[in-house]
Amino acid sequence: MARISEILFVDRHAPDLETILGNLRPQVRAVVLDDHRPASRQIAETLEGWRDLDAVHVIAHGSPGRVHFTSGAWSIDTLGDAADDLAAIGRALSADGDLRLWSCETGKGRAG
């Protein structure tokens, strides 16, 4: 059995969810985010106790400057409120681990 070295968080309403979940590498653990609690809170709770991950992936819809979850969005306006939860990502990653956001349009334009 492969060692879990990456965790994927995916919004429940991301396109092709079943295809994504059915094609993961063995070292990737997937977590489907629910619709009722903030994504950052769910991510922090899941990552509690994890260390030295190579990557944390997040798949959700996007628009310029925003990552959209069914339960709310991450943007410059909301990240401060989620700072403690988001710090859990940094604690879970290895020194050269990556946070990989997979959301169309998030980096586009002035807001991105």
PDB file of N, CA and C in Angstrom:
ATOM      1  N   MET A   1       0.846  -1.184   0.000  1.00  0.00           N
ATOM      2  CA  MET A   1       0.000   0.000   0.000  1.00  0.00           C
ATOM      3  C   MET A   1       0.890   1.245   0.000  1.00  0.00           C
ATOM      4  N   ALA A   2       0.564   2.187  -0.845  1.00  0.00           N
ATOM      5  CA  ALA A   2       1.357   3.413  -0.974  1.00  0.00           C
ATOM      6  C   ALA A   2       1.144   4.317   0.239  1.00  0.00           C
ATOM      7  N   ARG A   3       2.199   5.010   0.625  1.00  0.00           N
ATOM      8  CA  ARG A   3       2.106   5.992   1.700  1.00  0.00           C
ATOM      9  C   ARG A   3       1.321   7.192   1.188  1.00  0.00           C
ATOM     10  N   ILE A   4       0.382   7.695   1.974  1.00  0.00           N
ATOM     11  CA  ILE A   4      -0.368   8.894   1.592  1.00  0.00           C
ATOM     12  C   ILE A   4       0.580  10.082   1.690  1.00  0.00           C
ATOM     13  N   SER A   5       0.809  10.753   0.568  1.00  0.00           N
ATOM     14  CA  SER A   5       1.711  11.910   0.550  1.00  0.00           C
ATOM     15  C   SER A   5       1.024  13.174   0.041  1.00  0.00           C
ATOM     16  N   GLU A   6      -0.215  13.031  -0.423  1.00  0.00           N
ATOM     17  CA  GLU A   6      -0.974  14.173  -0.921  1.00  0.00           C
ATOM     18  C   GLU A   6      -2.435  14.005  -0.516  1.00  0.00           C
ATOM     19  N   ILE A   7      -3.088  15.128  -0.247  1.00  0.00           N
ATOM     20  CA  ILE A   7      -4.518  15.091   0.047  1.00  0.00           C
ATOM     21  C   ILE A   7      -5.220  16.038  -0.912  1.00  0.00           C
ATOM     22  N   LEU A   8      -6.277  15.537  -1.510  1.00  0.00           N
ATOM     23  CA  LEU A   8      -7.094  16.297  -2.450  1.00  0.00           C
ATOM     24  C   LEU A   8      -8.417  16.642  -1.784  1.00  0.00           C
ATOM     25  N   PHE A   9      -8.751  17.924  -1.780  1.00  0.00           N
ATOM     26  CA  PHE A   9     -10.054  18.390  -1.324  1.00  0.00           C
ATOM     27  C   PHE A   9     -10.816  18.840  -2.557  1.00  0.00           C
ATOM     28  N   VAL A  10     -12.008  18.318  -2.730  1.00  0.00           N
ATOM     29  CA  VAL A  10     -12.775  18.643  -3.932  1.00  0.00           C
ATOM     30  C   VAL A  10     -14.195  19.045  -3.540  1.00  0.00           C
ATOM     31  N   ASP A  11     -14.642  20.149  -4.117  1.00  0.00           N
ATOM     32  CA  ASP A  11     -16.006  20.600  -3.884  1.00  0.00           C
ATOM     33  C   ASP A  11     -16.977  19.571  -4.447  1.00  0.00           C
ATOM     34  N   ARG A  12     -18.005  19.286  -3.709  1.00  0.00           N
ATOM     35  CA  ARG A  12     -18.994  18.277  -4.088  1.00  0.00           C
ATOM     36  C   ARG A  12     -19.589  18.529  -5.476  1.00  0.00           C
ATOM     37  N   HIS A  13     -19.635  19.777  -5.901  1.00  0.00           N
ATOM     38  CA  HIS A  13     -20.259  20.110  -7.183  1.00  0.00           C
ATOM     39  C   HIS A  13     -19.241  20.413  -8.285  1.00  0.00           C
ATOM     40  N   ALA A  14     -18.008  19.981  -8.090  1.00  0.00           N
ATOM     41  CA  ALA A  14     -16.997  20.132  -9.142  1.00  0.00           C
ATOM     42  C   ALA A  14     -17.383  19.244 -10.326  1.00  0.00           C
ATOM     43  N   PRO A  15     -17.108  19.712 -11.546  1.00  0.00           N
ATOM     44  CA  PRO A  15     -17.441  18.888 -12.710  1.00  0.00           C
ATOM     45  C   PRO A  15     -16.629  17.591 -12.721  1.00  0.00           C
ATOM     46  N   ASP A  16     -17.240  16.541 -13.215  1.00  0.00           N
ATOM     47  CA  ASP A  16     -16.581  15.244 -13.385  1.00  0.00           C
ATOM     48  C   ASP A  16     -16.051  14.659 -12.078  1.00  0.00           C
ATOM     49  N   LEU A  17     -16.777  14.866 -11.007  1.00  0.00           N
ATOM     50  CA  LEU A  17     -16.337  14.405  -9.691  1.00  0.00           C
ATOM     51  C   LEU A  17     -16.025  12.911  -9.678  1.00  0.00           C
ATOM     52  N   GLU A  18     -16.896  12.108 -10.234  1.00  0.00           N
ATOM     53  CA  GLU A  18     -16.676  10.653 -10.221  1.00  0.00           C
ATOM     54  C   GLU A  18     -15.427  10.270 -11.011  1.00  0.00           C
ATOM     55  N   THR A  19     -15.187  10.946 -12.122  1.00  0.00           N
ATOM     56  CA  THR A  19     -13.988  10.673 -12.913  1.00  0.00           C
ATOM     57  C   THR A  19     -12.737  11.034 -12.127  1.00  0.00           C
ATOM     58  N   ILE A  20     -12.763  12.187 -11.469  1.00  0.00           N
ATOM     59  CA  ILE A  20     -11.619  12.617 -10.650  1.00  0.00           C
ATOM     60  C   ILE A  20     -11.331  11.579  -9.571  1.00  0.00           C
ATOM     61  N   LEU A  21     -12.354  11.219  -8.825  1.00  0.00           N
ATOM     62  CA  LEU A  21     -12.167  10.298  -7.703  1.00  0.00           C
ATOM     63  C   LEU A  21     -11.755   8.904  -8.167  1.00  0.00           C
ATOM     64  N   GLY A  22     -12.175   8.514  -9.348  1.00  0.00           N
ATOM     65  CA  GLY A  22     -11.846   7.193  -9.859  1.00  0.00           C
ATOM     66  C   GLY A  22     -10.477   7.074 -10.491  1.00  0.00           C
ATOM     67  N   ASN A  23      -9.769   8.182 -10.615  1.00  0.00           N
ATOM     68  CA  ASN A  23      -8.481   8.159 -11.310  1.00  0.00           C
ATOM     69  C   ASN A  23      -7.336   8.727 -10.481  1.00  0.00           C
ATOM     70  N   LEU A  24      -7.427   8.649  -9.189  1.00  0.00           N
ATOM     71  CA  LEU A  24      -6.369   9.174  -8.320  1.00  0.00           C
ATOM     72  C   LEU A  24      -5.209   8.190  -8.211  1.00  0.00           C
ATOM     73  N   ARG A  25      -4.014   8.738  -8.066  1.00  0.00           N
ATOM     74  CA  ARG A  25      -2.848   7.912  -7.786  1.00  0.00           C
ATOM     75  C   ARG A  25      -2.989   7.331  -6.372  1.00  0.00           C
ATOM     76  N   PRO A  26      -2.377   6.181  -6.100  1.00  0.00           N
ATOM     77  CA  PRO A  26      -2.540   5.532  -4.793  1.00  0.00           C
ATOM     78  C   PRO A  26      -2.084   6.382  -3.601  1.00  0.00           C
ATOM     79  N   GLN A  27      -1.157   7.290  -3.808  1.00  0.00           N
ATOM     80  CA  GLN A  27      -0.642   8.099  -2.697  1.00  0.00           C
ATOM     81  C   GLN A  27      -1.493   9.334  -2.401  1.00  0.00           C
ATOM     82  N   VAL A  28      -2.607   9.491  -3.115  1.00  0.00           N
ATOM     83  CA  VAL A  28      -3.481  10.653  -2.916  1.00  0.00           C
ATOM     84  C   VAL A  28      -4.757  10.213  -2.195  1.00  0.00           C
ATOM     85  N   ARG A  29      -5.038  10.856  -1.078  1.00  0.00           N
ATOM     86  CA  ARG A  29      -6.307  10.635  -0.363  1.00  0.00           C
ATOM     87  C   ARG A  29      -7.262  11.749  -0.757  1.00  0.00           C
ATOM     88  N   ALA A  30      -8.488  11.399  -1.096  1.00  0.00           N
ATOM     89  CA  ALA A  30      -9.487  12.392  -1.508  1.00  0.00           C
ATOM     90  C   ALA A  30     -10.493  12.641  -0.391  1.00  0.00           C
ATOM     91  N   VAL A  31     -10.877  13.907  -0.267  1.00  0.00           N
ATOM     92  CA  VAL A  31     -11.914  14.322   0.669  1.00  0.00           C
ATOM     93  C   VAL A  31     -12.899  15.183  -0.114  1.00  0.00           C
ATOM     94  N   VAL A  32     -14.159  14.770  -0.141  1.00  0.00           N
ATOM     95  CA  VAL A  32     -15.199  15.559  -0.797  1.00  0.00           C
ATOM     96  C   VAL A  32     -15.789  16.492   0.251  1.00  0.00           C
ATOM     97  N   LEU A  33     -15.725  17.785  -0.031  1.00  0.00           N
ATOM     98  CA  LEU A  33     -16.207  18.799   0.914  1.00  0.00           C
ATOM     99  C   LEU A  33     -17.728  18.850   0.922  1.00  0.00           C
ATOM    100  N   ASP A  34     -18.293  18.995   2.115  1.00  0.00           N
ATOM    101  CA  ASP A  34     -19.748  19.071   2.188  1.00  0.00           C
ATOM    102  C   ASP A  34     -20.228  20.497   1.935  1.00  0.00           C
ATOM    103  N   ASP A  35     -21.529  20.632   1.792  1.00  0.00           N
ATOM    104  CA  ASP A  35     -22.135  21.916   1.422  1.00  0.00           C
ATOM    105  C   ASP A  35     -22.446  22.808   2.616  1.00  0.00           C
ATOM    106  N   HIS A  36     -22.293  22.302   3.812  1.00  0.00           N
ATOM    107  CA  HIS A  36     -22.857  22.982   4.973  1.00  0.00           C
ATOM    108  C   HIS A  36     -21.859  23.692   5.876  1.00  0.00           C
ATOM    109  N   ARG A  37     -20.574  23.406   5.732  1.00  0.00           N
ATOM    110  CA  ARG A  37     -19.568  24.033   6.588  1.00  0.00           C
ATOM    111  C   ARG A  37     -18.509  24.676   5.714  1.00  0.00           C
ATOM    112  N   PRO A  38     -17.876  25.731   6.189  1.00  0.00           N
ATOM    113  CA  PRO A  38     -16.846  26.387   5.384  1.00  0.00           C
ATOM    114  C   PRO A  38     -15.747  25.407   4.957  1.00  0.00           C
ATOM    115  N   ALA A  39     -15.333  25.526   3.715  1.00  0.00           N
ATOM    116  CA  ALA A  39     -14.295  24.643   3.180  1.00  0.00           C
ATOM    117  C   ALA A  39     -13.026  24.720   4.015  1.00  0.00           C
ATOM    118  N   SER A  40     -12.627  25.918   4.409  1.00  0.00           N
ATOM    119  CA  SER A  40     -11.392  26.061   5.181  1.00  0.00           C
ATOM    120  C   SER A  40     -11.465  25.303   6.503  1.00  0.00           C
ATOM    121  N   ARG A  41     -12.628  25.276   7.139  1.00  0.00           N
ATOM    122  CA  ARG A  41     -12.809  24.557   8.409  1.00  0.00           C
ATOM    123  C   ARG A  41     -12.693  23.058   8.173  1.00  0.00           C
ATOM    124  N   GLN A  42     -13.316  22.565   7.113  1.00  0.00           N
ATOM    125  CA  GLN A  42     -13.248  21.135   6.793  1.00  0.00           C
ATOM    126  C   GLN A  42     -11.819  20.713   6.474  1.00  0.00           C
ATOM    127  N   ILE A  43     -11.111  21.550   5.729  1.00  0.00           N
ATOM    128  CA  ILE A  43      -9.724  21.253   5.376  1.00  0.00           C
ATOM    129  C   ILE A  43      -8.866  21.214   6.635  1.00  0.00           C
ATOM    130  N   ALA A  44      -9.006  22.208   7.506  1.00  0.00           N
ATOM    131  CA  ALA A  44      -8.220  22.261   8.743  1.00  0.00           C
ATOM    132  C   ALA A  44      -8.471  21.026   9.608  1.00  0.00           C
ATOM    133  N   GLU A  45      -9.724  20.636   9.749  1.00  0.00           N
ATOM    134  CA  GLU A  45     -10.051  19.465  10.565  1.00  0.00           C
ATOM    135  C   GLU A  45      -9.439  18.196   9.984  1.00  0.00           C
ATOM    136  N   THR A  46      -9.490  18.054   8.680  1.00  0.00           N
ATOM    137  CA  THR A  46      -8.927  16.872   8.033  1.00  0.00           C
ATOM    138  C   THR A  46      -7.413  16.826   8.172  1.00  0.00           C
ATOM    139  N   LEU A  47      -6.761  17.979   8.062  1.00  0.00           N
ATOM    140  CA  LEU A  47      -5.300  18.022   8.089  1.00  0.00           C
ATOM    141  C   LEU A  47      -4.714  17.975   9.498  1.00  0.00           C
ATOM    142  N   GLU A  48      -5.555  18.061  10.510  1.00  0.00           N
ATOM    143  CA  GLU A  48      -5.052  18.008  11.881  1.00  0.00           C
ATOM    144  C   GLU A  48      -4.273  16.707  12.088  1.00  0.00           C
ATOM    145  N   GLY A  49      -3.042  16.839  12.519  1.00  0.00           N
ATOM    146  CA  GLY A  49      -2.192  15.678  12.754  1.00  0.00           C
ATOM    147  C   GLY A  49      -1.352  15.247  11.563  1.00  0.00           C
ATOM    148  N   TRP A  50      -1.649  15.746  10.372  1.00  0.00           N
ATOM    149  CA  TRP A  50      -0.840  15.418   9.190  1.00  0.00           C
ATOM    150  C   TRP A  50       0.390  16.315   9.154  1.00  0.00           C
ATOM    151  N   ARG A  51       1.531  15.757   8.736  1.00  0.00           N
ATOM    152  CA  ARG A  51       2.772  16.513   8.571  1.00  0.00           C
ATOM    153  C   ARG A  51       3.509  15.959   7.348  1.00  0.00           C
ATOM    154  N   ASP A  52       4.351  16.787   6.786  1.00  0.00           N
ATOM    155  CA  ASP A  52       5.254  16.383   5.698  1.00  0.00           C
ATOM    156  C   ASP A  52       4.551  15.908   4.432  1.00  0.00           C
ATOM    157  N   LEU A  53       3.376  16.462   4.153  1.00  0.00           N
ATOM    158  CA  LEU A  53       2.710  16.144   2.890  1.00  0.00           C
ATOM    159  C   LEU A  53       3.442  16.807   1.730  1.00  0.00           C
ATOM    160  N   ASP A  54       3.476  16.138   0.602  1.00  0.00           N
ATOM    161  CA  ASP A  54       4.072  16.716  -0.604  1.00  0.00           C
ATOM    162  C   ASP A  54       3.161  17.759  -1.233  1.00  0.00           C
ATOM    163  N   ALA A  55       1.853  17.559  -1.111  1.00  0.00           N
ATOM    164  CA  ALA A  55       0.921  18.509  -1.718  1.00  0.00           C
ATOM    165  C   ALA A  55      -0.455  18.402  -1.076  1.00  0.00           C
ATOM    166  N   VAL A  56      -1.121  19.540  -1.053  1.00  0.00           N
ATOM    167  CA  VAL A  56      -2.542  19.631  -0.745  1.00  0.00           C
ATOM    168  C   VAL A  56      -3.178  20.238  -1.990  1.00  0.00           C
ATOM    169  N   HIS A  57      -4.143  19.537  -2.558  1.00  0.00           N
ATOM    170  CA  HIS A  57      -4.836  19.982  -3.763  1.00  0.00           C
ATOM    171  C   HIS A  57      -6.244  20.435  -3.394  1.00  0.00           C
ATOM    172  N   VAL A  58      -6.725  21.461  -4.070  1.00  0.00           N
ATOM    173  CA  VAL A  58      -8.095  21.933  -3.887  1.00  0.00           C
ATOM    174  C   VAL A  58      -8.715  22.093  -5.272  1.00  0.00           C
ATOM    175  N   ILE A  59      -9.820  21.395  -5.514  1.00  0.00           N
ATOM    176  CA  ILE A  59     -10.550  21.520  -6.774  1.00  0.00           C
ATOM    177  C   ILE A  59     -11.907  22.142  -6.480  1.00  0.00           C
ATOM    178  N   ALA A  60     -12.171  23.267  -7.137  1.00  0.00           N
ATOM    179  CA  ALA A  60     -13.453  23.964  -6.983  1.00  0.00           C
ATOM    180  C   ALA A  60     -13.641  24.878  -8.189  1.00  0.00           C
ATOM    181  N   HIS A  61     -14.819  25.404  -8.330  1.00  0.00           N
ATOM    182  CA  HIS A  61     -15.068  26.399  -9.373  1.00  0.00           C
ATOM    183  C   HIS A  61     -14.295  27.669  -9.032  1.00  0.00           C
ATOM    184  N   GLY A  62     -14.080  28.522 -10.029  1.00  0.00           N
ATOM    185  CA  GLY A  62     -13.374  29.771  -9.790  1.00  0.00           C
ATOM    186  C   GLY A  62     -13.887  30.894 -10.658  1.00  0.00           C
ATOM    187  N   SER A  63     -13.505  32.085 -10.275  1.00  0.00           N
ATOM    188  CA  SER A  63     -13.717  33.302 -11.063  1.00  0.00           C
ATOM    189  C   SER A  63     -12.561  34.219 -10.682  1.00  0.00           C
ATOM    190  N   PRO A  64     -12.317  35.295 -11.415  1.00  0.00           N
ATOM    191  CA  PRO A  64     -11.157  36.129 -11.113  1.00  0.00           C
ATOM    192  C   PRO A  64     -11.073  36.514  -9.626  1.00  0.00           C
ATOM    193  N   GLY A  65      -9.987  36.076  -8.991  1.00  0.00           N
ATOM    194  CA  GLY A  65      -9.740  36.406  -7.593  1.00  0.00           C
ATOM    195  C   GLY A  65     -10.538  35.607  -6.584  1.00  0.00           C
ATOM    196  N   ARG A  66     -11.235  34.565  -7.031  1.00  0.00           N
ATOM    197  CA  ARG A  66     -12.099  33.805  -6.111  1.00  0.00           C
ATOM    198  C   ARG A  66     -12.033  32.302  -6.403  1.00  0.00           C
ATOM    199  N   VAL A  67     -12.066  31.527  -5.337  1.00  0.00           N
ATOM    200  CA  VAL A  67     -12.264  30.084  -5.427  1.00  0.00           C
ATOM    201  C   VAL A  67     -13.636  29.830  -4.822  1.00  0.00           C
ATOM    202  N   HIS A  68     -14.548  29.258  -5.617  1.00  0.00           N
ATOM    203  CA  HIS A  68     -15.941  29.079  -5.195  1.00  0.00           C
ATOM    204  C   HIS A  68     -16.200  27.657  -4.710  1.00  0.00           C
ATOM    205  N   PHE A  69     -16.652  27.562  -3.486  1.00  0.00           N
ATOM    206  CA  PHE A  69     -17.134  26.301  -2.927  1.00  0.00           C
ATOM    207  C   PHE A  69     -18.642  26.432  -2.764  1.00  0.00           C
ATOM    208  N   THR A  70     -19.330  25.325  -2.725  1.00  0.00           N
ATOM    209  CA  THR A  70     -20.768  25.374  -2.505  1.00  0.00           C
ATOM    210  C   THR A  70     -21.083  26.056  -1.177  1.00  0.00           C
ATOM    211  N   SER A  71     -20.180  25.927  -0.213  1.00  0.00           N
ATOM    212  CA  SER A  71     -20.400  26.492   1.122  1.00  0.00           C
ATOM    213  C   SER A  71     -19.869  27.915   1.278  1.00  0.00           C
ATOM    214  N   GLY A  72     -19.384  28.539   0.195  1.00  0.00           N
ATOM    215  CA  GLY A  72     -18.842  29.898   0.271  1.00  0.00           C
ATOM    216  C   GLY A  72     -17.593  30.015  -0.578  1.00  0.00           C
ATOM    217  N   ALA A  73     -16.991  31.192  -0.596  1.00  0.00           N
ATOM    218  CA  ALA A  73     -15.835  31.432  -1.473  1.00  0.00           C
ATOM    219  C   ALA A  73     -14.619  31.877  -0.678  1.00  0.00           C
ATOM    220  N   TRP A  74     -13.437  31.610  -1.260  1.00  0.00           N
ATOM    221  CA  TRP A  74     -12.196  32.210  -0.780  1.00  0.00           C
ATOM    222  C   TRP A  74     -11.910  33.394  -1.686  1.00  0.00           C
ATOM    223  N   SER A  75     -11.584  34.512  -1.099  1.00  0.00           N
ATOM    224  CA  SER A  75     -11.176  35.697  -1.851  1.00  0.00           C
ATOM    225  C   SER A  75     -10.346  36.564  -0.919  1.00  0.00           C
ATOM    226  N   ILE A  76      -9.824  37.639  -1.437  1.00  0.00           N
ATOM    227  CA  ILE A  76      -9.059  38.571  -0.611  1.00  0.00           C
ATOM    228  C   ILE A  76      -9.909  39.070   0.555  1.00  0.00           C
ATOM    229  N   ASP A  77     -11.212  39.129   0.356  1.00  0.00           N
ATOM    230  CA  ASP A  77     -12.119  39.612   1.401  1.00  0.00           C
ATOM    231  C   ASP A  77     -12.418  38.571   2.473  1.00  0.00           C
ATOM    232  N   THR A  78     -12.254  37.301   2.166  1.00  0.00           N
ATOM    233  CA  THR A  78     -12.632  36.254   3.125  1.00  0.00           C
ATOM    234  C   THR A  78     -11.456  35.517   3.749  1.00  0.00           C
ATOM    235  N   LEU A  79     -10.269  35.627   3.169  1.00  0.00           N
ATOM    236  CA  LEU A  79      -9.139  34.837   3.663  1.00  0.00           C
ATOM    237  C   LEU A  79      -8.734  35.194   5.085  1.00  0.00           C
ATOM    238  N   GLY A  80      -8.858  36.451   5.464  1.00  0.00           N
ATOM    239  CA  GLY A  80      -8.515  36.845   6.830  1.00  0.00           C
ATOM    240  C   GLY A  80      -9.363  36.129   7.861  1.00  0.00           C
ATOM    241  N   ASP A  81     -10.635  35.952   7.566  1.00  0.00           N
ATOM    242  CA  ASP A  81     -11.537  35.259   8.487  1.00  0.00           C
ATOM    243  C   ASP A  81     -11.164  33.786   8.648  1.00  0.00           C
ATOM    244  N   ALA A  82     -10.526  33.230   7.638  1.00  0.00           N
ATOM    245  CA  ALA A  82     -10.180  31.810   7.653  1.00  0.00           C
ATOM    246  C   ALA A  82      -8.701  31.572   7.943  1.00  0.00           C
ATOM    247  N   ALA A  83      -7.982  32.595   8.384  1.00  0.00           N
ATOM    248  CA  ALA A  83      -6.526  32.506   8.535  1.00  0.00           C
ATOM    249  C   ALA A  83      -6.086  31.339   9.419  1.00  0.00           C
ATOM    250  N   ASP A  84      -6.724  31.142  10.547  1.00  0.00           N
ATOM    251  CA  ASP A  84      -6.322  30.044  11.432  1.00  0.00           C
ATOM    252  C   ASP A  84      -6.525  28.691  10.763  1.00  0.00           C
ATOM    253  N   ASP A  85      -7.649  28.533  10.088  1.00  0.00           N
ATOM    254  CA  ASP A  85      -7.901  27.276   9.384  1.00  0.00           C
ATOM    255  C   ASP A  85      -6.909  27.074   8.247  1.00  0.00           C
ATOM    256  N   LEU A  86      -6.622  28.122   7.506  1.00  0.00           N
ATOM    257  CA  LEU A  86      -5.698  28.007   6.377  1.00  0.00           C
ATOM    258  C   LEU A  86      -4.270  27.730   6.837  1.00  0.00           C
ATOM    259  N   ALA A  87      -3.912  28.180   8.028  1.00  0.00           N
ATOM    260  CA  ALA A  87      -2.578  27.896   8.565  1.00  0.00           C
ATOM    261  C   ALA A  87      -2.367  26.395   8.739  1.00  0.00           C
ATOM    262  N   ALA A  88      -3.442  25.649   8.907  1.00  0.00           N
ATOM    263  CA  ALA A  88      -3.339  24.192   9.025  1.00  0.00           C
ATOM    264  C   ALA A  88      -2.747  23.580   7.763  1.00  0.00           C
ATOM    265  N   ILE A  89      -2.990  24.199   6.625  1.00  0.00           N
ATOM    266  CA  ILE A  89      -2.407  23.700   5.375  1.00  0.00           C
ATOM    267  C   ILE A  89      -0.891  23.798   5.455  1.00  0.00           C
ATOM    268  N   GLY A  90      -0.395  24.952   5.864  1.00  0.00           N
ATOM    269  CA  GLY A  90       1.049  25.138   5.987  1.00  0.00           C
ATOM    270  C   GLY A  90       1.683  24.163   6.965  1.00  0.00           C
ATOM    271  N   ARG A  91       1.017  23.906   8.080  1.00  0.00           N
ATOM    272  CA  ARG A  91       1.562  22.967   9.071  1.00  0.00           C
ATOM    273  C   ARG A  91       1.606  21.539   8.535  1.00  0.00           C
ATOM    274  N   ALA A  92       0.678  21.198   7.657  1.00  0.00           N
ATOM    275  CA  ALA A  92       0.607  19.828   7.142  1.00  0.00           C
ATOM    276  C   ALA A  92       1.606  19.563   6.019  1.00  0.00           C
ATOM    277  N   LEU A  93       2.041  20.607   5.338  1.00  0.00           N
ATOM    278  CA  LEU A  93       2.948  20.443   4.200  1.00  0.00           C
ATOM    279  C   LEU A  93       4.396  20.280   4.649  1.00  0.00           C
ATOM    280  N   SER A  94       5.173  19.564   3.852  1.00  0.00           N
ATOM    281  CA  SER A  94       6.614  19.495   4.078  1.00  0.00           C
ATOM    282  C   SER A  94       7.222  20.855   3.745  1.00  0.00           C
ATOM    283  N   ALA A  95       8.497  21.023   4.041  1.00  0.00           N
ATOM    284  CA  ALA A  95       9.169  22.309   3.807  1.00  0.00           C
ATOM    285  C   ALA A  95       9.071  22.748   2.352  1.00  0.00           C
ATOM    286  N   ASP A  96       9.050  21.808   1.427  1.00  0.00           N
ATOM    287  CA  ASP A  96       8.920  22.177   0.018  1.00  0.00           C
ATOM    288  C   ASP A  96       7.628  21.620  -0.596  1.00  0.00           C
ATOM    289  N   GLY A  97       6.621  21.410   0.245  1.00  0.00           N
ATOM    290  CA  GLY A  97       5.318  20.950  -0.231  1.00  0.00           C
ATOM    291  C   GLY A  97       4.552  22.072  -0.916  1.00  0.00           C
ATOM    292  N   ASP A  98       3.545  21.702  -1.676  1.00  0.00           N
ATOM    293  CA  ASP A  98       2.782  22.661  -2.479  1.00  0.00           C
ATOM    294  C   ASP A  98       1.300  22.668  -2.118  1.00  0.00           C
ATOM    295  N   LEU A  99       0.719  23.857  -2.153  1.00  0.00           N
ATOM    296  CA  LEU A  99      -0.728  24.009  -2.177  1.00  0.00           C
ATOM    297  C   LEU A  99      -1.082  24.234  -3.636  1.00  0.00           C
ATOM    298  N   ARG A 100      -1.908  23.366  -4.196  1.00  0.00           N
ATOM    299  CA  ARG A 100      -2.265  23.453  -5.615  1.00  0.00           C
ATOM    300  C   ARG A 100      -3.762  23.703  -5.745  1.00  0.00           C
ATOM    301  N   LEU A 101      -4.083  24.887  -6.242  1.00  0.00           N
ATOM    302  CA  LEU A 101      -5.480  25.264  -6.460  1.00  0.00           C
ATOM    303  C   LEU A 101      -5.858  24.954  -7.901  1.00  0.00           C
ATOM    304  N   TRP A 102      -6.872  24.153  -8.078  1.00  0.00           N
ATOM    305  CA  TRP A 102      -7.371  23.783  -9.396  1.00  0.00           C
ATOM    306  C   TRP A 102      -8.753  24.406  -9.544  1.00  0.00           C
ATOM    307  N   SER A 103      -8.770  25.656  -9.993  1.00  0.00           N
ATOM    308  CA  SER A 103     -10.042  26.375 -10.163  1.00  0.00           C
ATOM    309  C   SER A 103      -9.887  27.344 -11.329  1.00  0.00           C
ATOM    310  N   CYS A 104     -10.695  27.162 -12.348  1.00  0.00           N
ATOM    311  CA  CYS A 104     -10.618  28.005 -13.542  1.00  0.00           C
ATOM    312  C   CYS A 104     -10.833  29.468 -13.198  1.00  0.00           C
ATOM    313  N   GLU A 105     -10.080  30.321 -13.857  1.00  0.00           N
ATOM    314  CA  GLU A 105     -10.260  31.774 -13.820  1.00  0.00           C
ATOM    315  C   GLU A 105      -9.761  32.460 -12.543  1.00  0.00           C
ATOM    316  N   THR A 106      -9.403  31.731 -11.498  1.00  0.00           N
ATOM    317  CA  THR A 106      -9.041  32.358 -10.223  1.00  0.00           C
ATOM    318  C   THR A 106      -7.875  33.331 -10.375  1.00  0.00           C
ATOM    319  N   GLY A 107      -6.887  33.002 -11.162  1.00  0.00           N
ATOM    320  CA  GLY A 107      -5.725  33.869 -11.332  1.00  0.00           C
ATOM    321  C   GLY A 107      -5.877  34.910 -12.422  1.00  0.00           C
ATOM    322  N   LYS A 108      -7.039  35.010 -13.011  1.00  0.00           N
ATOM    323  CA  LYS A 108      -7.262  35.893 -14.154  1.00  0.00           C
ATOM    324  C   LYS A 108      -7.543  37.333 -13.719  1.00  0.00           C
ATOM    325  N   GLY A 109      -7.070  38.253 -14.523  1.00  0.00           N
ATOM    326  CA  GLY A 109      -7.404  39.668 -14.348  1.00  0.00           C
ATOM    327  C   GLY A 109      -6.764  40.309 -13.133  1.00  0.00           C
ATOM    328  N   ARG A 110      -7.162  41.506 -12.870  1.00  0.00           N
ATOM    329  CA  ARG A 110      -6.604  42.300 -11.776  1.00  0.00           C
ATOM    330  C   ARG A 110      -6.868  41.651 -10.412  1.00  0.00           C
ATOM    331  N   ALA A 111      -8.056  41.115 -10.218  1.00  0.00           N
ATOM    332  CA  ALA A 111      -8.405  40.477  -8.944  1.00  0.00           C
ATOM    333  C   ALA A 111      -7.622  39.191  -8.720  1.00  0.00           C
ATOM    334  N   GLY A 112      -7.216  38.540  -9.808  1.00  0.00           N
ATOM    335  CA  GLY A 112      -6.496  37.271  -9.713  1.00  0.00           C
ATOM    336  C   GLY A 112      -5.054  37.471  -9.408  1.00  0.00           C
TER     337      GLY A 112
END
